[in-house]
Amino acid sequence: MSMRLALPHLVRRERASLAVTLLAPLLALSGATLVNLLLYVAIGKQPGAVFHAMLLEPFLSWASFSEVLLKLGPLLLIAQGLAIGFRAKVFNIGAEGQFILGAIFASAIPVWYPQATGGWIWPSMLLAGAMGGALWAAITAFWRVRLNANEILVSLMLSLVAAQVLNYLLLGPWKDPNGFNFPQSVMFQYDAMLPLLFEGTRVNVSLLIAFLLSGLAFVFMQRSFPGYRLEVGGLAPRAAAYAGFSEARAIWLSLLIGGFAAGLAGAAEVAGPLGQLQRSISTGYGYSAIIVAYLGGLHPLGIVLSALVMAALSIGGDNAMVSADLPIAAVRVFQGSLLIAYLIAMAFVRYRLEWPSASTRSRA
């Protein structure tokens, strides 16, 4: 009789423990920290210096923490928009491209009207940017609904197209003639800049907008019927279809919300810390926000905390590259390993390992 190795298999838990669910992100952070500790030792870096720069320095001074708050805004905006779609099982991976289009649409106002003044300019830029991101996401929605194209691939490929549109504008019609041949637009006028929240910092009103939209995301997903329909469509698509919930409407709504939020974040970036349209606008916010969304458990309140963690890691990573000579690849490995550790932790929150019984092994 042939002998086969009896392996355990995953069995879904009837009910996940709330305490363990809340503990999962902390376990993931601890696990990722331990793994990266070994990595830093292996590449000859001082782990103590690295973790001091990465995990502590962002909170040790107001100047550093203000930069964390500056990073928090776009991460929070994009992640909240993406999480709504993810819970409906609509996977928008192209937030980076929607972020870029939002920055382009917002920049059109000060580029075309550089002498304009008035308090209407920066609100109009935010609105234009949000519409630009939503329109870019609408391309993905159209292909997904009409041709059943995979939204992951379409949205991701459109991000590459968005980067080329940005290059064309900054190397062509929107290039600053007095910019010493750098690929950038003209500097925006004062009224095209977002008001600052704290004097002496770069933190602007986009942070308040991010928190406001986080509250709206909570109400939408936890207290509204359209949000309930989206979640049911993701958890039980057959039941949703039987109840008359439209899959096409869920796809359009999910992608448009994600694109709107990403475009708004792009507009806030050019009207905030940059003050002009640059090729460096594409810094990976759209991809980092995916980690933020999942690390927050796709819950609006959890995303606020995970966005703060990722923003601190971003600033801390910059500190570590300077003070501890850490390569940028190691910073990205830390962020990626954090997501992997969280997904593993959540797998054991929702499932348990079950070993074959003795009778089952004997029959095998």
Protein backbone atom coordinates (compact mmCIF):
# COMPACT_ATOMS: atom_id res chain seq x y z
CA MET A 1 0.00 0.00 0.00
CA SER A 2 1.44 3.34 -1.05
CA MET A 3 2.16 5.83 1.69
CA ARG A 4 1.17 9.45 1.18
CA LEU A 5 2.25 12.30 3.37
CA ALA A 6 -0.71 13.60 5.38
CA LEU A 7 -0.75 17.36 5.09
CA PRO A 8 -2.92 19.83 6.99
CA HIS A 9 -5.43 21.95 5.14
CA LEU A 10 -7.13 25.25 5.83
CA VAL A 11 -10.69 25.26 7.14
CA ARG A 12 -12.65 28.49 7.32
CA ARG A 13 -13.58 29.57 10.84
CA GLU A 14 -17.24 30.07 11.56
CA ARG A 15 -16.48 33.38 13.22
CA ALA A 16 -13.25 35.34 13.33
CA SER A 17 -12.23 36.66 16.74
CA LEU A 18 -12.42 40.45 16.94
CA ALA A 19 -9.43 40.62 19.30
CA VAL A 20 -7.28 38.52 16.97
CA THR A 21 -8.43 40.55 13.98
CA LEU A 22 -7.32 43.76 15.70
CA LEU A 23 -4.06 42.11 16.75
CA ALA A 24 -3.20 40.93 13.22
CA PRO A 25 -1.69 44.25 11.99
CA LEU A 26 0.55 44.44 15.08
CA LEU A 27 1.69 40.87 14.56
CA ALA A 28 2.36 41.63 10.90
CA LEU A 29 4.42 44.72 11.80
CA SER A 30 6.39 42.71 14.38
CA GLY A 31 6.98 39.85 11.93
CA ALA A 32 8.06 42.17 9.11
CA THR A 33 10.38 44.01 11.50
CA LEU A 34 12.04 40.76 12.61
CA VAL A 35 12.52 39.55 9.01
CA ASN A 36 14.03 42.87 7.96
CA LEU A 37 16.23 42.89 11.05
CA LEU A 38 17.88 39.71 9.76
CA LEU A 39 18.12 41.25 6.28
CA TYR A 40 19.94 44.33 7.59
CA VAL A 41 22.41 42.14 9.48
CA ALA A 42 22.99 40.12 6.30
CA ILE A 43 23.81 43.22 4.22
CA GLY A 44 26.13 44.61 6.88
CA LYS A 45 23.99 47.44 8.27
CA GLN A 46 23.46 48.34 11.90
CA PRO A 47 19.88 47.27 12.71
CA GLY A 48 19.65 49.56 15.71
CA ALA A 49 20.58 52.62 13.65
CA VAL A 50 18.23 51.61 10.85
CA PHE A 51 15.20 51.09 13.08
CA HIS A 52 15.90 54.25 15.07
CA ALA A 53 15.91 56.24 11.84
CA MET A 54 12.96 54.40 10.30
CA LEU A 55 10.59 53.85 13.21
CA LEU A 56 11.46 56.49 15.81
CA GLU A 57 12.86 59.59 14.08
CA PRO A 58 9.59 60.44 12.25
CA PHE A 59 7.97 61.03 15.66
CA LEU A 60 10.86 62.71 17.51
CA SER A 61 10.47 66.23 16.13
CA TRP A 62 7.65 68.38 14.84
CA ALA A 63 9.51 68.96 11.57
CA SER A 64 9.70 65.21 10.88
CA PHE A 65 6.15 64.52 12.03
CA SER A 66 4.79 67.31 9.85
CA GLU A 67 6.31 65.53 6.85
CA VAL A 68 4.55 62.35 7.99
CA LEU A 69 1.27 64.27 7.98
CA LEU A 70 2.07 65.56 4.50
CA LYS A 71 2.52 61.97 3.23
CA LEU A 72 -0.55 60.84 5.13
CA GLY A 73 -2.96 62.94 3.06
CA PRO A 74 -2.53 61.34 -0.41
CA LEU A 75 -2.08 57.83 1.00
CA LEU A 76 -5.30 58.15 2.98
CA LEU A 77 -7.28 59.60 0.08
CA ILE A 78 -6.24 56.96 -2.43
CA ALA A 79 -6.50 54.01 -0.03
CA GLN A 80 -10.04 54.92 1.04
CA GLY A 81 -11.14 55.08 -2.59
CA LEU A 82 -9.45 51.79 -3.50
CA ALA A 83 -10.80 49.95 -0.46
CA ILE A 84 -14.40 50.56 -1.52
CA GLY A 85 -13.72 48.81 -4.81
CA PHE A 86 -11.66 46.04 -3.21
CA ARG A 87 -14.53 45.17 -0.86
CA ALA A 88 -16.76 44.86 -3.93
CA LYS A 89 -14.09 42.63 -5.55
CA VAL A 90 -13.31 45.28 -8.16
CA PHE A 91 -9.53 45.52 -8.18
CA ASN A 92 -8.37 48.93 -9.34
CA ILE A 93 -4.57 48.67 -9.56
CA GLY A 94 -4.22 51.81 -11.67
CA ALA A 95 -4.52 54.49 -8.99
CA GLU A 96 -1.04 55.70 -9.91
CA GLY A 97 -2.23 56.63 -13.39
CA GLN A 98 -5.40 58.21 -12.04
CA PHE A 99 -3.23 60.20 -9.62
CA ILE A 100 -1.15 61.47 -12.56
CA LEU A 101 -4.22 62.43 -14.59
CA GLY A 102 -5.60 64.26 -11.58
CA ALA A 103 -2.38 66.24 -11.35
CA ILE A 104 -2.53 67.03 -15.08
CA PHE A 105 -6.16 68.18 -15.03
CA ALA A 106 -5.53 70.35 -11.96
CA SER A 107 -2.41 71.88 -13.49
CA ALA A 108 -4.28 72.94 -16.62
CA ILE A 109 -5.83 75.90 -14.79
CA PRO A 110 -2.60 77.65 -13.63
CA VAL A 111 -0.75 76.63 -16.81
CA TRP A 112 -3.39 78.13 -19.11
CA TYR A 113 -4.23 81.08 -16.84
CA PRO A 114 -0.96 81.95 -15.04
CA GLN A 115 -2.09 85.50 -14.26
CA ALA A 116 -5.46 84.54 -12.78
CA THR A 117 -6.16 85.46 -9.17
CA GLY A 118 -8.89 84.74 -6.65
CA GLY A 119 -9.93 82.21 -4.06
CA TRP A 120 -11.71 80.08 -6.70
CA ILE A 121 -8.50 78.74 -8.26
CA TRP A 122 -7.33 76.04 -5.86
CA PRO A 123 -10.84 74.63 -5.22
CA SER A 124 -11.34 74.48 -9.00
CA MET A 125 -8.03 72.66 -9.33
CA LEU A 126 -9.07 70.05 -6.78
CA LEU A 127 -12.39 69.52 -8.56
CA ALA A 128 -10.70 69.30 -11.97
CA GLY A 129 -8.16 66.81 -10.63
CA ALA A 130 -10.84 64.61 -9.10
CA MET A 131 -12.77 64.61 -12.39
CA GLY A 132 -9.60 63.78 -14.31
CA GLY A 133 -8.90 60.75 -12.13
CA ALA A 134 -12.52 59.59 -12.42
CA LEU A 135 -12.47 59.94 -16.22
CA TRP A 136 -9.27 57.89 -16.43
CA ALA A 137 -10.84 55.19 -14.24
CA ALA A 138 -13.95 55.29 -16.46
CA ILE A 139 -11.88 53.85 -19.32
CA THR A 140 -11.21 50.77 -17.22
CA ALA A 141 -14.87 50.54 -16.20
CA PHE A 142 -16.00 50.74 -19.82
CA TRP A 143 -13.67 47.95 -20.95
CA ARG A 144 -14.59 45.80 -17.96
CA VAL A 145 -18.36 46.15 -18.41
CA ARG A 146 -18.63 46.13 -22.20
CA LEU A 147 -15.84 43.71 -23.14
CA ASN A 148 -15.25 41.85 -19.86
CA ALA A 149 -11.61 42.94 -19.90
CA ASN A 150 -9.70 42.30 -16.69
CA GLU A 151 -9.73 45.54 -14.67
CA ILE A 152 -6.40 44.69 -13.04
CA LEU A 153 -4.53 44.59 -16.35
CA VAL A 154 -6.39 47.48 -17.97
CA SER A 155 -5.98 49.84 -15.03
CA LEU A 156 -2.32 48.90 -14.62
CA MET A 157 -1.52 49.43 -18.31
CA LEU A 158 -3.34 52.77 -18.28
CA SER A 159 -0.92 53.92 -15.56
CA LEU A 160 1.90 53.51 -18.07
CA VAL A 161 -0.08 55.48 -20.64
CA ALA A 162 -0.68 58.25 -18.08
CA ALA A 163 3.06 58.51 -17.45
CA GLN A 164 3.68 58.99 -21.17
CA VAL A 165 0.97 61.67 -21.38
CA LEU A 166 2.76 63.46 -18.55
CA ASN A 167 6.11 63.17 -20.36
CA TYR A 168 4.62 64.55 -23.58
CA LEU A 169 3.16 67.60 -21.84
CA LEU A 170 6.29 68.43 -19.84
CA LEU A 171 8.63 67.92 -22.79
CA GLY A 172 6.29 69.72 -25.17
CA PRO A 173 3.42 72.21 -24.85
CA TRP A 174 3.51 72.68 -21.07
CA LYS A 175 7.29 72.93 -20.68
CA ASP A 176 8.40 76.06 -18.81
CA PRO A 177 10.35 78.19 -21.32
CA ASN A 178 12.33 79.68 -18.44
CA GLY A 179 12.91 76.37 -16.66
CA PHE A 180 16.52 75.79 -17.86
CA ASN A 181 15.30 72.91 -20.06
CA PHE A 182 13.96 70.89 -17.11
CA PRO A 183 10.77 68.87 -17.84
CA GLN A 184 8.43 70.88 -15.64
CA SER A 185 5.62 73.39 -15.93
CA VAL A 186 5.69 77.00 -14.82
CA MET A 187 5.50 77.65 -11.10
CA PHE A 188 1.92 78.15 -9.98
CA GLN A 189 0.70 81.49 -8.71
CA TYR A 190 -0.09 82.05 -5.03
CA ASP A 191 -3.84 81.59 -5.40
CA ALA A 192 -3.28 78.18 -7.02
CA MET A 193 -1.64 76.85 -3.84
CA LEU A 194 -3.53 75.08 -1.07
CA PRO A 195 -3.73 76.98 2.24
CA LEU A 196 -1.36 75.70 4.91
CA LEU A 197 -2.68 74.17 8.11
CA PHE A 198 0.40 74.88 10.23
CA GLU A 199 2.81 77.73 9.70
CA GLY A 200 6.39 76.66 9.11
CA THR A 201 5.35 73.29 7.64
CA ARG A 202 4.16 72.02 4.26
CA VAL A 203 0.98 70.45 5.66
CA ASN A 204 -2.06 71.86 3.85
CA VAL A 205 -5.84 71.58 3.86
CA SER A 206 -5.75 68.39 1.77
CA LEU A 207 -5.15 66.54 5.06
CA LEU A 208 -8.49 67.79 6.38
CA ILE A 209 -10.14 66.78 3.11
CA ALA A 210 -8.62 63.30 3.48
CA PHE A 211 -10.07 62.91 6.98
CA LEU A 212 -13.45 64.27 5.81
CA LEU A 213 -13.61 61.77 2.95
CA SER A 214 -12.55 58.99 5.33
CA GLY A 215 -15.61 59.81 7.42
CA LEU A 216 -17.78 59.77 4.29
CA ALA A 217 -16.27 56.41 3.30
CA PHE A 218 -17.22 55.02 6.72
CA VAL A 219 -20.81 56.21 6.38
CA PHE A 220 -21.02 54.95 2.79
CA MET A 221 -19.71 51.45 3.50
CA GLN A 222 -21.14 50.93 6.99
CA ARG A 223 -24.40 52.85 7.00
CA SER A 224 -25.71 53.25 3.43
CA PHE A 225 -27.65 50.90 1.17
CA PRO A 226 -25.43 51.49 -1.92
CA GLY A 227 -22.41 50.55 0.16
CA TYR A 228 -24.22 47.45 1.39
CA ARG A 229 -24.98 46.46 -2.20
CA LEU A 230 -21.33 46.82 -3.16
CA GLU A 231 -20.17 44.65 -0.27
CA VAL A 232 -22.78 41.97 -0.91
CA GLY A 233 -21.78 41.92 -4.56
CA GLY A 234 -18.21 41.23 -3.52
CA LEU A 235 -18.96 38.63 -0.85
CA ALA A 236 -21.78 36.78 -2.62
CA PRO A 237 -22.11 37.73 -6.30
CA ARG A 238 -24.79 35.10 -7.01
CA ALA A 239 -26.92 36.27 -4.10
CA ALA A 240 -26.44 39.87 -5.23
CA ALA A 241 -27.55 38.99 -8.78
CA TYR A 242 -30.58 37.13 -7.41
CA ALA A 243 -31.51 40.20 -5.34
CA GLY A 244 -31.34 42.35 -8.46
CA PHE A 245 -28.10 44.18 -7.65
CA SER A 246 -26.42 45.31 -10.87
CA GLU A 247 -22.86 44.06 -11.32
CA ALA A 248 -22.18 46.68 -13.99
CA ARG A 249 -23.30 49.47 -11.66
CA ALA A 250 -21.04 48.14 -8.92
CA ILE A 251 -18.05 48.11 -11.28
CA TRP A 252 -18.70 51.64 -12.51
CA LEU A 253 -19.27 53.00 -9.01
CA SER A 254 -16.21 51.28 -7.52
CA LEU A 255 -13.84 52.44 -10.24
CA LEU A 256 -15.20 55.98 -10.40
CA ILE A 257 -14.87 56.41 -6.62
CA GLY A 258 -11.31 55.09 -6.71
CA GLY A 259 -10.39 57.32 -9.65
CA PHE A 260 -12.03 60.35 -8.04
CA ALA A 261 -10.04 59.90 -4.83
CA ALA A 262 -6.75 59.28 -6.64
CA GLY A 263 -7.26 62.26 -8.95
CA LEU A 264 -8.05 64.46 -5.96
CA ALA A 265 -4.80 63.33 -4.32
CA GLY A 266 -2.87 64.16 -7.50
CA ALA A 267 -4.41 67.62 -7.63
CA ALA A 268 -3.51 68.23 -3.98
CA GLU A 269 0.09 67.20 -4.67
CA VAL A 270 0.68 69.75 -7.44
CA ALA A 271 -1.27 72.47 -5.64
CA GLY A 272 0.45 71.68 -2.35
CA PRO A 273 4.08 70.75 -1.75
CA LEU A 274 5.22 70.85 -5.41
CA GLY A 275 3.64 74.05 -6.70
CA GLN A 276 4.09 72.94 -10.31
CA LEU A 277 3.66 69.89 -12.51
CA GLN A 278 6.79 67.72 -12.60
CA ARG A 279 7.68 64.26 -13.86
CA SER A 280 8.52 63.34 -10.26
CA ILE A 281 4.80 63.63 -9.42
CA SER A 282 4.67 59.86 -9.95
CA THR A 283 6.22 58.68 -6.68
CA GLY A 284 4.30 55.44 -6.13
CA TYR A 285 1.44 56.73 -3.99
CA GLY A 286 -1.02 54.69 -6.02
CA TYR A 287 0.83 51.44 -5.36
CA SER A 288 1.62 52.17 -1.71
CA ALA A 289 -2.07 52.88 -1.13
CA ILE A 290 -2.86 49.26 -2.03
CA ILE A 291 -0.73 48.16 0.93
CA VAL A 292 -2.42 50.79 3.10
CA ALA A 293 -5.90 49.57 2.13
CA TYR A 294 -5.19 45.94 2.94
CA LEU A 295 -3.15 46.68 6.05
CA GLY A 296 -6.18 48.59 7.32
CA GLY A 297 -8.39 45.56 6.74
CA LEU A 298 -10.32 47.47 4.02
CA HIS A 299 -12.11 49.27 6.86
CA PRO A 300 -12.21 53.10 6.78
CA LEU A 301 -11.02 53.45 10.39
CA GLY A 302 -8.29 50.83 10.03
CA ILE A 303 -7.07 52.57 6.88
CA VAL A 304 -6.51 55.80 8.84
CA LEU A 305 -4.11 53.97 11.16
CA SER A 306 -2.38 52.01 8.42
CA ALA A 307 -1.92 55.19 6.34
CA LEU A 308 -0.20 56.80 9.33
CA VAL A 309 2.10 53.76 9.65
CA MET A 310 2.99 53.77 5.96
CA ALA A 311 3.55 57.54 5.94
CA ALA A 312 5.90 57.21 8.92
CA LEU A 313 7.74 54.33 7.21
CA SER A 314 8.13 56.44 4.08
CA ILE A 315 9.67 59.37 5.96
CA GLY A 316 11.65 57.00 8.18
CA GLY A 317 12.96 55.19 5.13
CA ASP A 318 14.27 58.48 3.74
CA ASN A 319 15.95 59.14 7.08
CA ALA A 320 17.49 55.66 7.10
CA MET A 321 18.92 56.10 3.61
CA VAL A 322 20.75 59.21 4.80
CA SER A 323 21.77 58.41 8.38
CA ALA A 324 22.16 54.61 8.18
CA ASP A 325 23.22 54.27 4.52
CA LEU A 326 20.28 51.99 3.79
CA PRO A 327 19.61 51.30 0.09
CA ILE A 328 16.21 52.32 -1.21
CA ALA A 329 15.51 48.74 -2.25
CA ALA A 330 15.65 47.70 1.42
CA VAL A 331 13.01 50.30 2.28
CA ARG A 332 10.70 48.91 -0.39
CA VAL A 333 11.35 45.38 0.81
CA PHE A 334 10.20 46.42 4.28
CA GLN A 335 6.95 47.83 2.88
CA GLY A 336 6.32 44.76 0.73
CA SER A 337 7.13 42.32 3.51
CA LEU A 338 4.71 44.20 5.77
CA LEU A 339 1.86 43.49 3.32
CA ILE A 340 2.84 39.83 2.96
CA ALA A 341 3.03 39.41 6.75
CA TYR A 342 -0.41 41.00 7.12
CA LEU A 343 -1.97 38.74 4.50
CA ILE A 344 -0.50 35.68 6.23
CA ALA A 345 -1.78 36.87 9.61
CA MET A 346 -5.26 37.51 8.22
CA ALA A 347 -5.30 34.08 6.59
CA PHE A 348 -4.95 32.51 10.04
CA VAL A 349 -7.57 34.88 11.44
CA ARG A 350 -10.12 33.63 8.92
CA TYR A 351 -8.94 30.02 8.65
CA ARG A 352 -7.48 27.35 10.91
CA LEU A 353 -5.14 24.48 10.16
CA GLU A 354 -6.83 21.11 10.38
CA TRP A 355 -4.76 17.93 10.43
CA PRO A 356 -6.15 14.70 8.95
CA SER A 357 -7.56 12.32 11.57
CA ALA A 358 -5.95 8.98 12.25
CA SER A 359 -8.72 7.12 10.37
CA THR A 360 -8.28 9.38 7.35
CA ARG A 361 -4.52 8.77 7.36
CA SER A 362 -5.01 5.01 7.58
CA ARG A 363 -7.38 5.02 4.59
CA ALA A 364 -4.84 7.04 2.63
